[in-house]
PDB file of N, CA and C in Angstrom:
ATOM      1  N   MET A   1     -36.021  -1.163  13.833  1.00  0.00           N
ATOM      2  CA  MET A   1     -35.789  -2.325  14.670  1.00  0.00           C
ATOM      3  C   MET A   1     -36.117  -3.575  13.839  1.00  0.00           C
ATOM      4  N   ASN A   2     -35.214  -4.554  13.849  1.00  0.00           N
ATOM      5  CA  ASN A   2     -35.454  -5.782  13.093  1.00  0.00           C
ATOM      6  C   ASN A   2     -36.099  -6.844  13.977  1.00  0.00           C
ATOM      7  N   ILE A   3     -36.425  -7.984  13.374  1.00  0.00           N
ATOM      8  CA  ILE A   3     -37.140  -9.034  14.110  1.00  0.00           C
ATOM      9  C   ILE A   3     -36.320  -9.534  15.302  1.00  0.00           C
ATOM     10  N   GLY A   4     -35.008  -9.621  15.140  1.00  0.00           N
ATOM     11  CA  GLY A   4     -34.150 -10.065  16.237  1.00  0.00           C
ATOM     12  C   GLY A   4     -34.212  -9.124  17.427  1.00  0.00           C
ATOM     13  N   GLU A   5     -34.164  -7.846  17.155  1.00  0.00           N
ATOM     14  CA  GLU A   5     -34.246  -6.851  18.231  1.00  0.00           C
ATOM     15  C   GLU A   5     -35.609  -6.898  18.915  1.00  0.00           C
ATOM     16  N   ARG A   6     -36.666  -7.126  18.151  1.00  0.00           N
ATOM     17  CA  ARG A   6     -38.004  -7.239  18.743  1.00  0.00           C
ATOM     18  C   ARG A   6     -38.101  -8.484  19.616  1.00  0.00           C
ATOM     19  N   LEU A   7     -37.544  -9.597  19.139  1.00  0.00           N
ATOM     20  CA  LEU A   7     -37.560 -10.828  19.932  1.00  0.00           C
ATOM     21  C   LEU A   7     -36.802 -10.636  21.241  1.00  0.00           C
ATOM     22  N   PHE A   8     -35.659  -9.989  21.176  1.00  0.00           N
ATOM     23  CA  PHE A   8     -34.871  -9.730  22.382  1.00  0.00           C
ATOM     24  C   PHE A   8     -35.662  -8.840  23.348  1.00  0.00           C
ATOM     25  N   SER A   9     -36.273  -7.797  22.818  1.00  0.00           N
ATOM     26  CA  SER A   9     -37.050  -6.879  23.650  1.00  0.00           C
ATOM     27  C   SER A   9     -38.215  -7.601  24.322  1.00  0.00           C
ATOM     28  N   LEU A  10     -38.927  -8.419  23.567  1.00  0.00           N
ATOM     29  CA  LEU A  10     -40.057  -9.152  24.131  1.00  0.00           C
ATOM     30  C   LEU A  10     -39.585 -10.126  25.202  1.00  0.00           C
ATOM     31  N   ARG A  11     -38.463 -10.785  24.954  1.00  0.00           N
ATOM     32  CA  ARG A  11     -37.947 -11.728  25.952  1.00  0.00           C
ATOM     33  C   ARG A  11     -37.540 -10.996  27.226  1.00  0.00           C
ATOM     34  N   GLN A  12     -36.915  -9.845  27.081  1.00  0.00           N
ATOM     35  CA  GLN A  12     -36.528  -9.068  28.258  1.00  0.00           C
ATOM     36  C   GLN A  12     -37.760  -8.605  29.037  1.00  0.00           C
ATOM     37  N   LYS A  13     -38.768  -8.146  28.332  1.00  0.00           N
ATOM     38  CA  LYS A  13     -39.996  -7.694  28.985  1.00  0.00           C
ATOM     39  C   LYS A  13     -40.706  -8.831  29.717  1.00  0.00           C
ATOM     40  N   SER A  14     -40.588 -10.034  29.177  1.00  0.00           N
ATOM     41  CA  SER A  14     -41.257 -11.169  29.809  1.00  0.00           C
ATOM     42  C   SER A  14     -40.412 -11.788  30.915  1.00  0.00           C
ATOM     43  N   GLY A  15     -39.146 -11.386  30.998  1.00  0.00           N
ATOM     44  CA  GLY A  15     -38.268 -11.894  32.048  1.00  0.00           C
ATOM     45  C   GLY A  15     -37.855 -13.344  31.845  1.00  0.00           C
ATOM     46  N   GLU A  16     -37.887 -13.809  30.624  1.00  0.00           N
ATOM     47  CA  GLU A  16     -37.566 -15.202  30.341  1.00  0.00           C
ATOM     48  C   GLU A  16     -36.105 -15.368  29.918  1.00  0.00           C
ATOM     49  N   SER A  17     -35.620 -16.567  30.111  1.00  0.00           N
ATOM     50  CA  SER A  17     -34.274 -16.907  29.653  1.00  0.00           C
ATOM     51  C   SER A  17     -34.342 -17.394  28.205  1.00  0.00           C
ATOM     52  N   LEU A  18     -33.193 -17.416  27.561  1.00  0.00           N
ATOM     53  CA  LEU A  18     -33.125 -17.981  26.213  1.00  0.00           C
ATOM     54  C   LEU A  18     -33.619 -19.426  26.218  1.00  0.00           C
ATOM     55  N   GLN A  19     -33.173 -20.182  27.227  1.00  0.00           N
ATOM     56  CA  GLN A  19     -33.563 -21.592  27.308  1.00  0.00           C
ATOM     57  C   GLN A  19     -35.060 -21.749  27.515  1.00  0.00           C
ATOM     58  N   GLY A  20     -35.639 -20.880  28.331  1.00  0.00           N
ATOM     59  CA  GLY A  20     -37.077 -20.947  28.572  1.00  0.00           C
ATOM     60  C   GLY A  20     -37.876 -20.736  27.304  1.00  0.00           C
ATOM     61  N   VAL A  21     -37.494 -19.735  26.517  1.00  0.00           N
ATOM     62  CA  VAL A  21     -38.183 -19.478  25.251  1.00  0.00           C
ATOM     63  C   VAL A  21     -37.967 -20.643  24.299  1.00  0.00           C
ATOM     64  N   ALA A  22     -36.725 -21.110  24.199  1.00  0.00           N
ATOM     65  CA  ALA A  22     -36.412 -22.219  23.297  1.00  0.00           C
ATOM     66  C   ALA A  22     -37.246 -23.444  23.631  1.00  0.00           C
ATOM     67  N   ASP A  23     -37.341 -23.766  24.915  1.00  0.00           N
ATOM     68  CA  ASP A  23     -38.124 -24.933  25.330  1.00  0.00           C
ATOM     69  C   ASP A  23     -39.589 -24.776  24.954  1.00  0.00           C
ATOM     70  N   LYS A  24     -40.130 -23.573  25.126  1.00  0.00           N
ATOM     71  CA  LYS A  24     -41.551 -23.347  24.851  1.00  0.00           C
ATOM     72  C   LYS A  24     -41.883 -23.421  23.363  1.00  0.00           C
ATOM     73  N   VAL A  25     -40.954 -23.003  22.498  1.00  0.00           N
ATOM     74  CA  VAL A  25     -41.268 -22.991  21.065  1.00  0.00           C
ATOM     75  C   VAL A  25     -40.638 -24.151  20.306  1.00  0.00           C
ATOM     76  N   GLY A  26     -39.862 -24.996  21.008  1.00  0.00           N
ATOM     77  CA  GLY A  26     -39.341 -26.209  20.391  1.00  0.00           C
ATOM     78  C   GLY A  26     -38.128 -26.045  19.505  1.00  0.00           C
ATOM     79  N   VAL A  27     -37.261 -25.093  19.852  1.00  0.00           N
ATOM     80  CA  VAL A  27     -35.996 -24.940  19.123  1.00  0.00           C
ATOM     81  C   VAL A  27     -34.862 -24.895  20.140  1.00  0.00           C
ATOM     82  N   SER A  28     -33.638 -24.841  19.658  1.00  0.00           N
ATOM     83  CA  SER A  28     -32.499 -24.799  20.565  1.00  0.00           C
ATOM     84  C   SER A  28     -32.300 -23.386  21.113  1.00  0.00           C
ATOM     85  N   LYS A  29     -31.652 -23.331  22.263  1.00  0.00           N
ATOM     86  CA  LYS A  29     -31.281 -22.051  22.869  1.00  0.00           C
ATOM     87  C   LYS A  29     -30.408 -21.258  21.894  1.00  0.00           C
ATOM     88  N   ALA A  30     -29.485 -21.958  21.238  1.00  0.00           N
ATOM     89  CA  ALA A  30     -28.596 -21.300  20.281  1.00  0.00           C
ATOM     90  C   ALA A  30     -29.386 -20.674  19.136  1.00  0.00           C
ATOM     91  N   HIS A  31     -30.442 -21.342  18.697  1.00  0.00           N
ATOM     92  CA  HIS A  31     -31.237 -20.796  17.588  1.00  0.00           C
ATOM     93  C   HIS A  31     -31.957 -19.514  18.006  1.00  0.00           C
ATOM     94  N   VAL A  32     -32.505 -19.494  19.210  1.00  0.00           N
ATOM     95  CA  VAL A  32     -33.153 -18.268  19.702  1.00  0.00           C
ATOM     96  C   VAL A  32     -32.123 -17.150  19.782  1.00  0.00           C
ATOM     97  N   TRP A  33     -30.942 -17.456  20.304  1.00  0.00           N
ATOM     98  CA  TRP A  33     -29.879 -16.452  20.417  1.00  0.00           C
ATOM     99  C   TRP A  33     -29.487 -15.929  19.038  1.00  0.00           C
ATOM    100  N   GLU A  34     -29.342 -16.838  18.063  1.00  0.00           N
ATOM    101  CA  GLU A  34     -28.984 -16.425  16.702  1.00  0.00           C
ATOM    102  C   GLU A  34     -30.051 -15.527  16.089  1.00  0.00           C
ATOM    103  N   LEU A  35     -31.321 -15.832  16.364  1.00  0.00           N
ATOM    104  CA  LEU A  35     -32.402 -14.972  15.874  1.00  0.00           C
ATOM    105  C   LEU A  35     -32.308 -13.587  16.494  1.00  0.00           C
ATOM    106  N   GLU A  36     -32.125 -13.551  17.811  1.00  0.00           N
ATOM    107  CA  GLU A  36     -32.057 -12.263  18.502  1.00  0.00           C
ATOM    108  C   GLU A  36     -30.867 -11.424  18.041  1.00  0.00           C
ATOM    109  N   LYS A  37     -29.766 -12.065  17.743  1.00  0.00           N
ATOM    110  CA  LYS A  37     -28.549 -11.353  17.320  1.00  0.00           C
ATOM    111  C   LYS A  37     -28.534 -11.044  15.828  1.00  0.00           C
ATOM    112  N   GLY A  38     -29.540 -11.510  15.092  1.00  0.00           N
ATOM    113  CA  GLY A  38     -29.607 -11.244  13.668  1.00  0.00           C
ATOM    114  C   GLY A  38     -28.720 -12.157  12.838  1.00  0.00           C
ATOM    115  N   ARG A  39     -28.182 -13.198  13.453  1.00  0.00           N
ATOM    116  CA  ARG A  39     -27.322 -14.140  12.729  1.00  0.00           C
ATOM    117  C   ARG A  39     -28.140 -15.169  11.958  1.00  0.00           C
ATOM    118  N   SER A  40     -29.376 -15.310  12.317  1.00  0.00           N
ATOM    119  CA  SER A  40     -30.322 -16.157  11.591  1.00  0.00           C
ATOM    120  C   SER A  40     -31.530 -15.266  11.332  1.00  0.00           C
ATOM    121  N   SER A  41     -31.538 -14.650  10.183  1.00  0.00           N
ATOM    122  CA  SER A  41     -32.526 -13.607   9.920  1.00  0.00           C
ATOM    123  C   SER A  41     -33.716 -14.060   9.085  1.00  0.00           C
ATOM    124  N   ASN A  42     -33.809 -15.346   8.813  1.00  0.00           N
ATOM    125  CA  ASN A  42     -34.908 -15.820   7.978  1.00  0.00           C
ATOM    126  C   ASN A  42     -35.587 -17.023   8.634  1.00  0.00           C
ATOM    127  N   PRO A  43     -36.256 -16.796   9.789  1.00  0.00           N
ATOM    128  CA  PRO A  43     -36.917 -17.921  10.460  1.00  0.00           C
ATOM    129  C   PRO A  43     -38.120 -18.403   9.650  1.00  0.00           C
ATOM    130  N   SER A  44     -38.469 -19.657   9.847  1.00  0.00           N
ATOM    131  CA  SER A  44     -39.639 -20.199   9.157  1.00  0.00           C
ATOM    132  C   SER A  44     -40.901 -19.500   9.664  1.00  0.00           C
ATOM    133  N   PHE A  45     -41.923 -19.514   8.830  1.00  0.00           N
ATOM    134  CA  PHE A  45     -43.190 -18.923   9.236  1.00  0.00           C
ATOM    135  C   PHE A  45     -43.725 -19.619  10.481  1.00  0.00           C
ATOM    136  N   GLU A  46     -43.565 -20.945  10.528  1.00  0.00           N
ATOM    137  CA  GLU A  46     -44.046 -21.711  11.677  1.00  0.00           C
ATOM    138  C   GLU A  46     -43.359 -21.253  12.968  1.00  0.00           C
ATOM    139  N   LEU A  47     -42.063 -20.999  12.918  1.00  0.00           N
ATOM    140  CA  LEU A  47     -41.347 -20.538  14.104  1.00  0.00           C
ATOM    141  C   LEU A  47     -41.794 -19.127  14.489  1.00  0.00           C
ATOM    142  N   VAL A  48     -41.973 -18.262  13.517  1.00  0.00           N
ATOM    143  CA  VAL A  48     -42.457 -16.902  13.799  1.00  0.00           C
ATOM    144  C   VAL A  48     -43.835 -16.972  14.451  1.00  0.00           C
ATOM    145  N   ARG A  49     -44.681 -17.858  13.936  1.00  0.00           N
ATOM    146  CA  ARG A  49     -46.018 -18.028  14.507  1.00  0.00           C
ATOM    147  C   ARG A  49     -45.924 -18.504  15.953  1.00  0.00           C
ATOM    148  N   LYS A  50     -45.054 -19.481  16.218  1.00  0.00           N
ATOM    149  CA  LYS A  50     -44.885 -19.994  17.577  1.00  0.00           C
ATOM    150  C   LYS A  50     -44.343 -18.916  18.512  1.00  0.00           C
ATOM    151  N   LEU A  51     -43.386 -18.143  18.053  1.00  0.00           N
ATOM    152  CA  LEU A  51     -42.823 -17.077  18.890  1.00  0.00           C
ATOM    153  C   LEU A  51     -43.871 -16.004  19.191  1.00  0.00           C
ATOM    154  N   ALA A  52     -44.637 -15.626  18.179  1.00  0.00           N
ATOM    155  CA  ALA A  52     -45.692 -14.632  18.389  1.00  0.00           C
ATOM    156  C   ALA A  52     -46.711 -15.152  19.404  1.00  0.00           C
ATOM    157  N   ALA A  53     -47.120 -16.399  19.247  1.00  0.00           N
ATOM    158  CA  ALA A  53     -48.084 -16.983  20.186  1.00  0.00           C
ATOM    159  C   ALA A  53     -47.489 -17.068  21.586  1.00  0.00           C
ATOM    160  N   HIS A  54     -46.226 -17.446  21.675  1.00  0.00           N
ATOM    161  CA  HIS A  54     -45.568 -17.551  22.985  1.00  0.00           C
ATOM    162  C   HIS A  54     -45.571 -16.209  23.711  1.00  0.00           C
ATOM    163  N   TYR A  55     -45.240 -15.145  23.000  1.00  0.00           N
ATOM    164  CA  TYR A  55     -45.192 -13.828  23.625  1.00  0.00           C
ATOM    165  C   TYR A  55     -46.563 -13.155  23.696  1.00  0.00           C
ATOM    166  N   GLY A  56     -47.556 -13.763  23.068  1.00  0.00           N
ATOM    167  CA  GLY A  56     -48.902 -13.199  23.097  1.00  0.00           C
ATOM    168  C   GLY A  56     -49.044 -11.956  22.256  1.00  0.00           C
ATOM    169  N   VAL A  57     -48.318 -11.910  21.157  1.00  0.00           N
ATOM    170  CA  VAL A  57     -48.388 -10.763  20.252  1.00  0.00           C
ATOM    171  C   VAL A  57     -48.753 -11.258  18.859  1.00  0.00           C
ATOM    172  N   SER A  58     -49.095 -10.350  17.999  1.00  0.00           N
ATOM    173  CA  SER A  58     -49.391 -10.718  16.616  1.00  0.00           C
ATOM    174  C   SER A  58     -48.082 -10.849  15.830  1.00  0.00           C
ATOM    175  N   ILE A  59     -48.160 -11.513  14.719  1.00  0.00           N
ATOM    176  CA  ILE A  59     -47.001 -11.603  13.829  1.00  0.00           C
ATOM    177  C   ILE A  59     -46.606 -10.207  13.369  1.00  0.00           C
ATOM    178  N   ASP A  60     -47.586  -9.319  13.240  1.00  0.00           N
ATOM    179  CA  ASP A  60     -47.291  -7.934  12.849  1.00  0.00           C
ATOM    180  C   ASP A  60     -46.352  -7.246  13.837  1.00  0.00           C
ATOM    181  N   VAL A  61     -46.441  -7.578  15.111  1.00  0.00           N
ATOM    182  CA  VAL A  61     -45.526  -6.997  16.090  1.00  0.00           C
ATOM    183  C   VAL A  61     -44.097  -7.457  15.792  1.00  0.00           C
ATOM    184  N   LEU A  62     -43.935  -8.743  15.499  1.00  0.00           N
ATOM    185  CA  LEU A  62     -42.591  -9.261  15.225  1.00  0.00           C
ATOM    186  C   LEU A  62     -42.004  -8.690  13.943  1.00  0.00           C
ATOM    187  N   THR A  63     -42.857  -8.425  12.968  1.00  0.00           N
ATOM    188  CA  THR A  63     -42.362  -7.902  11.691  1.00  0.00           C
ATOM    189  C   THR A  63     -42.253  -6.381  11.681  1.00  0.00           C
ATOM    190  N   GLY A  64     -42.719  -5.742  12.741  1.00  0.00           N
ATOM    191  CA  GLY A  64     -42.618  -4.289  12.828  1.00  0.00           C
ATOM    192  C   GLY A  64     -43.804  -3.546  12.258  1.00  0.00           C
ATOM    193  N   ASN A  65     -44.857  -4.254  11.899  1.00  0.00           N
ATOM    194  CA  ASN A  65     -46.044  -3.614  11.341  1.00  0.00           C
ATOM    195  C   ASN A  65     -47.062  -3.221  12.401  1.00  0.00           C
ATOM    196  N   ALA A  66     -46.761  -3.517  13.655  1.00  0.00           N
ATOM    197  CA  ALA A  66     -47.620  -3.124  14.780  1.00  0.00           C
ATOM    198  C   ALA A  66     -46.722  -2.789  15.964  1.00  0.00           C
ATOM    199  N   THR A  67     -47.252  -2.013  16.875  1.00  0.00           N
ATOM    200  CA  THR A  67     -46.494  -1.559  18.032  1.00  0.00           C
ATOM    201  C   THR A  67     -46.309  -2.678  19.045  1.00  0.00           C
ATOM    202  N   GLU A  68     -45.104  -2.752  19.581  1.00  0.00           N
ATOM    203  CA  GLU A  68     -44.783  -3.748  20.605  1.00  0.00           C
ATOM    204  C   GLU A  68     -45.430  -3.350  21.929  1.00  0.00           C
ATOM    205  N   PRO A  69     -46.088  -4.290  22.602  1.00  0.00           N
ATOM    206  CA  PRO A  69     -46.717  -3.960  23.885  1.00  0.00           C
ATOM    207  C   PRO A  69     -45.667  -3.738  24.980  1.00  0.00           C
ATOM    208  N   GLY A  70     -46.069  -3.014  26.009  1.00  0.00           N
ATOM    209  CA  GLY A  70     -45.199  -2.809  27.149  1.00  0.00           C
ATOM    210  C   GLY A  70     -45.178  -4.026  28.055  1.00  0.00           C
ATOM    211  N   ALA A  71     -44.272  -4.025  29.012  1.00  0.00           N
ATOM    212  CA  ALA A  71     -44.114  -5.161  29.924  1.00  0.00           C
ATOM    213  C   ALA A  71     -45.389  -5.417  30.724  1.00  0.00           C
ATOM    214  N   ASP A  72     -46.058  -4.362  31.185  1.00  0.00           N
ATOM    215  CA  ASP A  72     -47.288  -4.538  31.965  1.00  0.00           C
ATOM    216  C   ASP A  72     -48.375  -5.213  31.131  1.00  0.00           C
ATOM    217  N   ARG A  73     -48.544  -4.762  29.893  1.00  0.00           N
ATOM    218  CA  ARG A  73     -49.558  -5.337  29.012  1.00  0.00           C
ATOM    219  C   ARG A  73     -49.254  -6.809  28.729  1.00  0.00           C
ATOM    220  N   MET A  74     -47.963  -7.117  28.529  1.00  0.00           N
ATOM    221  CA  MET A  74     -47.575  -8.500  28.282  1.00  0.00           C
ATOM    222  C   MET A  74     -47.885  -9.376  29.490  1.00  0.00           C
ATOM    223  N   GLN A  75     -47.654  -8.849  30.692  1.00  0.00           N
ATOM    224  CA  GLN A  75     -47.929  -9.619  31.904  1.00  0.00           C
ATOM    225  C   GLN A  75     -49.425  -9.903  32.028  1.00  0.00           C
ATOM    226  N   VAL A  76     -50.249  -8.896  31.814  1.00  0.00           N
ATOM    227  CA  VAL A  76     -51.699  -9.081  31.887  1.00  0.00           C
ATOM    228  C   VAL A  76     -52.157 -10.103  30.851  1.00  0.00           C
ATOM    229  N   ASP A  77     -51.614 -10.009  29.646  1.00  0.00           N
ATOM    230  CA  ASP A  77     -51.995 -10.957  28.593  1.00  0.00           C
ATOM    231  C   ASP A  77     -51.567 -12.390  28.942  1.00  0.00           C
ATOM    232  N   ARG A  78     -50.374 -12.559  29.543  1.00  0.00           N
ATOM    233  CA  ARG A  78     -49.917 -13.894  29.958  1.00  0.00           C
ATOM    234  C   ARG A  78     -50.847 -14.471  31.013  1.00  0.00           C
ATOM    235  N   ILE A  79     -51.235 -13.643  31.971  1.00  0.00           N
ATOM    236  CA  ILE A  79     -52.148 -14.101  33.017  1.00  0.00           C
ATOM    237  C   ILE A  79     -53.469 -14.516  32.389  1.00  0.00           C
ATOM    238  N   HIS A  80     -53.963 -13.687  31.483  1.00  0.00           N
ATOM    239  CA  HIS A  80     -55.236 -13.971  30.823  1.00  0.00           C
ATOM    240  C   HIS A  80     -55.179 -15.281  30.059  1.00  0.00           C
ATOM    241  N   ARG A  81     -54.097 -15.508  29.306  1.00  0.00           N
ATOM    242  CA  ARG A  81     -53.969 -16.761  28.546  1.00  0.00           C
ATOM    243  C   ARG A  81     -53.928 -17.952  29.485  1.00  0.00           C
ATOM    244  N   GLY A  82     -53.313 -17.807  30.647  1.00  0.00           N
ATOM    245  CA  GLY A  82     -53.226 -18.902  31.604  1.00  0.00           C
ATOM    246  C   GLY A  82     -54.567 -19.306  32.166  1.00  0.00           C
ATOM    247  N   LEU A  83     -55.508 -18.389  32.178  1.00  0.00           N
ATOM    248  CA  LEU A  83     -56.830 -18.682  32.727  1.00  0.00           C
ATOM    249  C   LEU A  83     -57.593 -19.697  31.880  1.00  0.00           C
ATOM    250  N   GLU A  84     -57.304 -19.734  30.605  1.00  0.00           N
ATOM    251  CA  GLU A  84     -58.024 -20.631  29.701  1.00  0.00           C
ATOM    252  C   GLU A  84     -57.847 -22.095  30.086  1.00  0.00           C
ATOM    253  N   ASP A  85     -56.730 -22.430  30.704  1.00  0.00           N
ATOM    254  CA  ASP A  85     -56.439 -23.819  31.052  1.00  0.00           C
ATOM    255  C   ASP A  85     -57.029 -24.231  32.398  1.00  0.00           C
ATOM    256  N   LEU A  86     -57.607 -23.299  33.126  1.00  0.00           N
ATOM    257  CA  LEU A  86     -58.166 -23.596  34.449  1.00  0.00           C
ATOM    258  C   LEU A  86     -59.592 -24.124  34.337  1.00  0.00           C
ATOM    259  N   SER A  87     -60.013 -24.826  35.365  1.00  0.00           N
ATOM    260  CA  SER A  87     -61.397 -25.287  35.426  1.00  0.00           C
ATOM    261  C   SER A  87     -62.310 -24.091  35.678  1.00  0.00           C
ATOM    262  N   ASP A  88     -63.593 -24.275  35.455  1.00  0.00           N
ATOM    263  CA  ASP A  88     -64.561 -23.198  35.712  1.00  0.00           C
ATOM    264  C   ASP A  88     -64.464 -22.744  37.170  1.00  0.00           C
ATOM    265  N   ARG A  89     -64.361 -23.679  38.077  1.00  0.00           N
ATOM    266  CA  ARG A  89     -64.289 -23.357  39.508  1.00  0.00           C
ATOM    267  C   ARG A  89     -63.012 -22.561  39.822  1.00  0.00           C
ATOM    268  N   ASP A  90     -61.888 -22.972  39.263  1.00  0.00           N
ATOM    269  CA  ASP A  90     -60.638 -22.257  39.513  1.00  0.00           C
ATOM    270  C   ASP A  90     -60.690 -20.839  38.935  1.00  0.00           C
ATOM    271  N   ARG A  91     -61.323 -20.674  37.773  1.00  0.00           N
ATOM    272  CA  ARG A  91     -61.465 -19.322  37.210  1.00  0.00           C
ATOM    273  C   ARG A  91     -62.339 -18.462  38.112  1.00  0.00           C
ATOM    274  N   GLU A  92     -63.378 -19.051  38.699  1.00  0.00           N
ATOM    275  CA  GLU A  92     -64.220 -18.305  39.642  1.00  0.00           C
ATOM    276  C   GLU A  92     -63.403 -17.850  40.846  1.00  0.00           C
ATOM    277  N   ILE A  93     -62.535 -18.717  41.344  1.00  0.00           N
ATOM    278  CA  ILE A  93     -61.688 -18.359  42.488  1.00  0.00           C
ATOM    279  C   ILE A  93     -60.752 -17.217  42.118  1.00  0.00           C
ATOM    280  N   VAL A  94     -60.137 -17.298  40.944  1.00  0.00           N
ATOM    281  CA  VAL A  94     -59.243 -16.224  40.491  1.00  0.00           C
ATOM    282  C   VAL A  94     -60.021 -14.920  40.349  1.00  0.00           C
ATOM    283  N   GLU A  95     -61.210 -15.006  39.795  1.00  0.00           N
ATOM    284  CA  GLU A  95     -62.033 -13.809  39.631  1.00  0.00           C
ATOM    285  C   GLU A  95     -62.364 -13.180  40.984  1.00  0.00           C
ATOM    286  N   GLN A  96     -62.686 -14.003  41.968  1.00  0.00           N
ATOM    287  CA  GLN A  96     -62.971 -13.506  43.318  1.00  0.00           C
ATOM    288  C   GLN A  96     -61.729 -12.871  43.939  1.00  0.00           C
ATOM    289  N   MET A  97     -60.582 -13.487  43.724  1.00  0.00           N
ATOM    290  CA  MET A  97     -59.339 -12.938  44.252  1.00  0.00           C
ATOM    291  C   MET A  97     -59.041 -11.571  43.639  1.00  0.00           C
ATOM    292  N   ILE A  98     -59.221 -11.458  42.333  1.00  0.00           N
ATOM    293  CA  ILE A  98     -58.979 -10.184  41.660  1.00  0.00           C
ATOM    294  C   ILE A  98     -59.939  -9.126  42.182  1.00  0.00           C
ATOM    295  N   ALA A  99     -61.209  -9.494  42.344  1.00  0.00           N
ATOM    296  CA  ALA A  99     -62.193  -8.542  42.864  1.00  0.00           C
ATOM    297  C   ALA A  99     -61.790  -8.082  44.270  1.00  0.00           C
ATOM    298  N   ALA A 100     -61.378  -9.008  45.113  1.00  0.00           N
ATOM    299  CA  ALA A 100     -60.978  -8.651  46.478  1.00  0.00           C
ATOM    300  C   ALA A 100     -59.736  -7.772  46.470  1.00  0.00           C
ATOM    301  N   MET A 101     -58.771  -8.085  45.630  1.00  0.00           N
ATOM    302  CA  MET A 101     -57.542  -7.280  45.554  1.00  0.00           C
ATOM    303  C   MET A 101     -57.826  -5.889  45.001  1.00  0.00           C
ATOM    304  N   THR A 102     -58.689  -5.819  44.005  1.00  0.00           N
ATOM    305  CA  THR A 102     -59.049  -4.526  43.419  1.00  0.00           C
ATOM    306  C   THR A 102     -59.773  -3.666  44.443  1.00  0.00           C
ATOM    307  N   GLN A 103     -60.692  -4.279  45.180  1.00  0.00           N
ATOM    308  CA  GLN A 103     -61.439  -3.553  46.204  1.00  0.00           C
ATOM    309  C   GLN A 103     -60.482  -3.054  47.285  1.00  0.00           C
ATOM    310  N   LYS A 104     -59.546  -3.899  47.688  1.00  0.00           N
ATOM    311  CA  LYS A 104     -58.557  -3.524  48.713  1.00  0.00           C
ATOM    312  C   LYS A 104     -57.705  -2.368  48.217  1.00  0.00           C
ATOM    313  N   THR A 105     -57.259  -2.447  46.963  1.00  0.00           N
ATOM    314  CA  THR A 105     -56.426  -1.391  46.381  1.00  0.00           C
ATOM    315  C   THR A 105     -57.183  -0.084  46.280  1.00  0.00           C
ATOM    316  N   HIS A 106     -58.417  -0.149  45.791  1.00  0.00           N
ATOM    317  CA  HIS A 106     -59.216   1.066  45.651  1.00  0.00           C
ATOM    318  C   HIS A 106     -59.664   1.598  47.010  1.00  0.00           C
ATOM    319  N   GLY A 107     -59.899   0.708  47.942  1.00  0.00           N
ATOM    320  CA  GLY A 107     -60.318   1.124  49.276  1.00  0.00           C
ATOM    321  C   GLY A 107     -59.183   1.764  50.061  1.00  0.00           C
ATOM    322  N   ALA A 108     -57.936   1.377  49.757  1.00  0.00           N
ATOM    323  CA  ALA A 108     -56.763   1.913  50.465  1.00  0.00           C
ATOM    324  C   ALA A 108     -56.355   3.272  49.906  1.00  0.00           C
ATOM    325  N   ALA A 109     -56.836   3.624  48.720  1.00  0.00           N
ATOM    326  CA  ALA A 109     -56.416   4.864  48.079  1.00  0.00           C
ATOM    327  C   ALA A 109     -57.092   6.070  48.686  1.00  0.00           C
TER     328      ALA A 109
END
């Protein structure tokens, strides 16, 4: 699997559009598409770094030197990264919500 195929797979797992990824990493939609299709096979290191950070994976995942995470793992990692931007109080609320949901799930089993 080449870098383009990995980028496509990660985008599909994250449920994002080409435009959404392009906007987040600061390139055109066409450039993301060209990368995914292998028509632009030599992205800059800076772009690879931005794409890896966007998807929450290491550069090794994009280059094929590490295993690509599954969709569930990517979702958990995205949620986790989003917590960093919250206030201490908001993180406490999220933590309480998770505890309540986990208790409900385990209690219903």
